Amino acid sequence: MGRFSSGPDFAGFNKLTSDVGREEQFEDAAKAAEYLCCFRKHVLKLSIAGEIPAHPLPGSSQRKTWRYLLTELRDWMLNSPSTELGRKQGTAVRSPAGGSRKGGQ
């Protein structure tokens, strides 16, 4: 039989190769927030504003239930003009809503 018959190395290889052709699954807002290292509410606000790639579940008309593809979030993050601007200039990018959490400027 030899080394390649059946062992932990061979079983792990089968698992890796079987995932290659598999579709990516949709994730909820909590998983997207964990991936982006931010709060779930922030991800939901960005989704409602249409600022991040998000997909509403069919049938959730009044209050949308959002789902996310982590590869789309990664691409969005890497190609975001505000992220690129912040990297080039070394400064923080201000929010259009204002500077203070209490609503002031």
Protein backbone atom coordinates (compact mmCIF):
# COMPACT_ATOMS: atom_id res chain seq x y z
CA MET A 1 0.00 0.00 0.00
CA GLY A 2 2.69 2.53 0.96
CA ARG A 3 2.57 6.16 1.95
CA PHE A 4 -0.39 7.25 -0.26
CA SER A 5 -2.91 4.56 0.72
CA SER A 6 -4.84 6.34 3.46
CA GLY A 7 -3.51 8.52 6.19
CA PRO A 8 -3.96 11.99 7.60
CA ASP A 9 -1.84 13.60 4.85
CA PHE A 10 -3.79 11.93 2.06
CA ALA A 11 -7.18 12.62 3.66
CA GLY A 12 -6.27 16.29 4.09
CA PHE A 13 -5.23 16.47 0.44
CA ASN A 14 -8.60 15.11 -0.69
CA LYS A 15 -10.42 17.73 1.38
CA LEU A 16 -8.35 20.53 -0.13
CA THR A 17 -8.81 19.39 -3.70
CA SER A 18 -12.54 18.77 -3.31
CA ASP A 19 -13.10 22.43 -2.27
CA VAL A 20 -11.49 23.86 -5.43
CA GLY A 21 -14.62 23.68 -7.63
CA ARG A 22 -17.06 24.54 -4.86
CA GLU A 23 -19.13 27.74 -4.89
CA GLU A 24 -18.55 30.36 -2.24
CA GLN A 25 -21.37 30.51 0.27
CA PHE A 26 -23.17 33.66 1.36
CA GLU A 27 -22.46 34.93 4.87
CA ASP A 28 -24.59 36.98 7.27
CA ALA A 29 -23.80 40.47 8.59
CA ALA A 30 -22.08 39.12 11.72
CA LYS A 31 -19.61 37.09 9.66
CA ALA A 32 -19.05 40.04 7.27
CA ALA A 33 -18.40 42.34 10.23
CA GLU A 34 -15.92 39.86 11.69
CA TYR A 35 -14.17 39.65 8.31
CA LEU A 36 -13.96 43.46 8.02
CA CYS A 37 -13.05 43.89 11.72
CA CYS A 38 -15.91 46.24 12.46
CA PHE A 39 -19.33 46.17 14.11
CA ARG A 40 -22.36 44.36 12.64
CA LYS A 41 -24.45 47.56 12.78
CA HIS A 42 -21.84 49.40 10.71
CA VAL A 43 -21.94 46.69 8.04
CA LEU A 44 -25.75 46.93 7.95
CA LYS A 45 -25.65 50.73 7.61
CA LEU A 46 -23.16 50.47 4.73
CA SER A 47 -25.41 47.86 3.10
CA ILE A 48 -28.52 50.04 3.34
CA ALA A 49 -26.58 53.00 1.89
CA GLY A 50 -25.35 50.82 -0.98
CA GLU A 51 -21.72 51.47 -0.13
CA ILE A 52 -20.61 47.84 0.12
CA PRO A 53 -21.47 44.81 -2.02
CA ALA A 54 -24.49 43.25 -0.31
CA HIS A 55 -27.30 41.02 -1.52
CA PRO A 56 -30.81 41.24 -0.02
CA LEU A 57 -32.58 37.94 0.50
CA PRO A 58 -35.61 37.53 -1.76
CA GLY A 59 -38.85 38.09 0.10
CA SER A 60 -37.42 40.50 2.67
CA SER A 61 -39.23 43.57 1.35
CA GLN A 62 -39.81 45.88 4.33
CA ARG A 63 -36.78 45.11 6.44
CA LYS A 64 -34.06 43.63 4.28
CA THR A 65 -31.99 40.65 5.33
CA TRP A 66 -28.54 41.03 3.81
CA ARG A 67 -26.04 38.40 2.73
CA TYR A 68 -22.42 38.90 1.68
CA LEU A 69 -19.73 37.17 -0.35
CA LEU A 70 -16.41 37.59 1.43
CA THR A 71 -14.50 37.71 -1.86
CA GLU A 72 -16.63 40.69 -2.95
CA LEU A 73 -15.96 42.43 0.37
CA ARG A 74 -12.23 41.82 -0.06
CA ASP A 75 -12.25 43.24 -3.60
CA TRP A 76 -14.29 46.24 -2.44
CA MET A 77 -11.87 46.92 0.40
CA LEU A 78 -8.79 46.63 -1.82
CA ASN A 79 -10.26 48.79 -4.60
CA SER A 80 -11.98 51.41 -2.44
CA PRO A 81 -10.91 54.94 -3.44
CA SER A 82 -11.11 56.17 0.16
CA THR A 83 -8.83 53.35 1.33
CA GLU A 84 -6.34 54.16 -1.43
CA LEU A 85 -6.52 57.89 -0.62
CA GLY A 86 -5.86 57.22 3.05
CA ARG A 87 -2.86 55.04 2.20
CA LYS A 88 -1.32 57.54 -0.23
CA GLN A 89 -1.68 60.66 1.88
CA GLY A 90 -1.25 59.01 5.27
CA THR A 91 -4.26 60.86 6.68
CA ALA A 92 -7.64 59.80 7.93
CA VAL A 93 -10.54 60.16 5.54
CA ARG A 94 -13.42 62.11 7.11
CA SER A 95 -16.94 60.90 7.01
CA PRO A 96 -19.39 63.11 5.09
CA ALA A 97 -21.73 62.95 8.13
CA GLY A 98 -19.40 64.93 10.36
CA GLY A 99 -16.61 64.38 12.79
CA SER A 100 -18.17 63.85 16.18
CA ARG A 101 -20.22 60.90 17.37
CA LYS A 102 -22.62 63.39 19.01
CA GLY A 103 -23.47 65.13 15.74
CA GLY A 104 -21.19 68.16 15.99
CA GLN A 105 -18.47 69.24 13.59
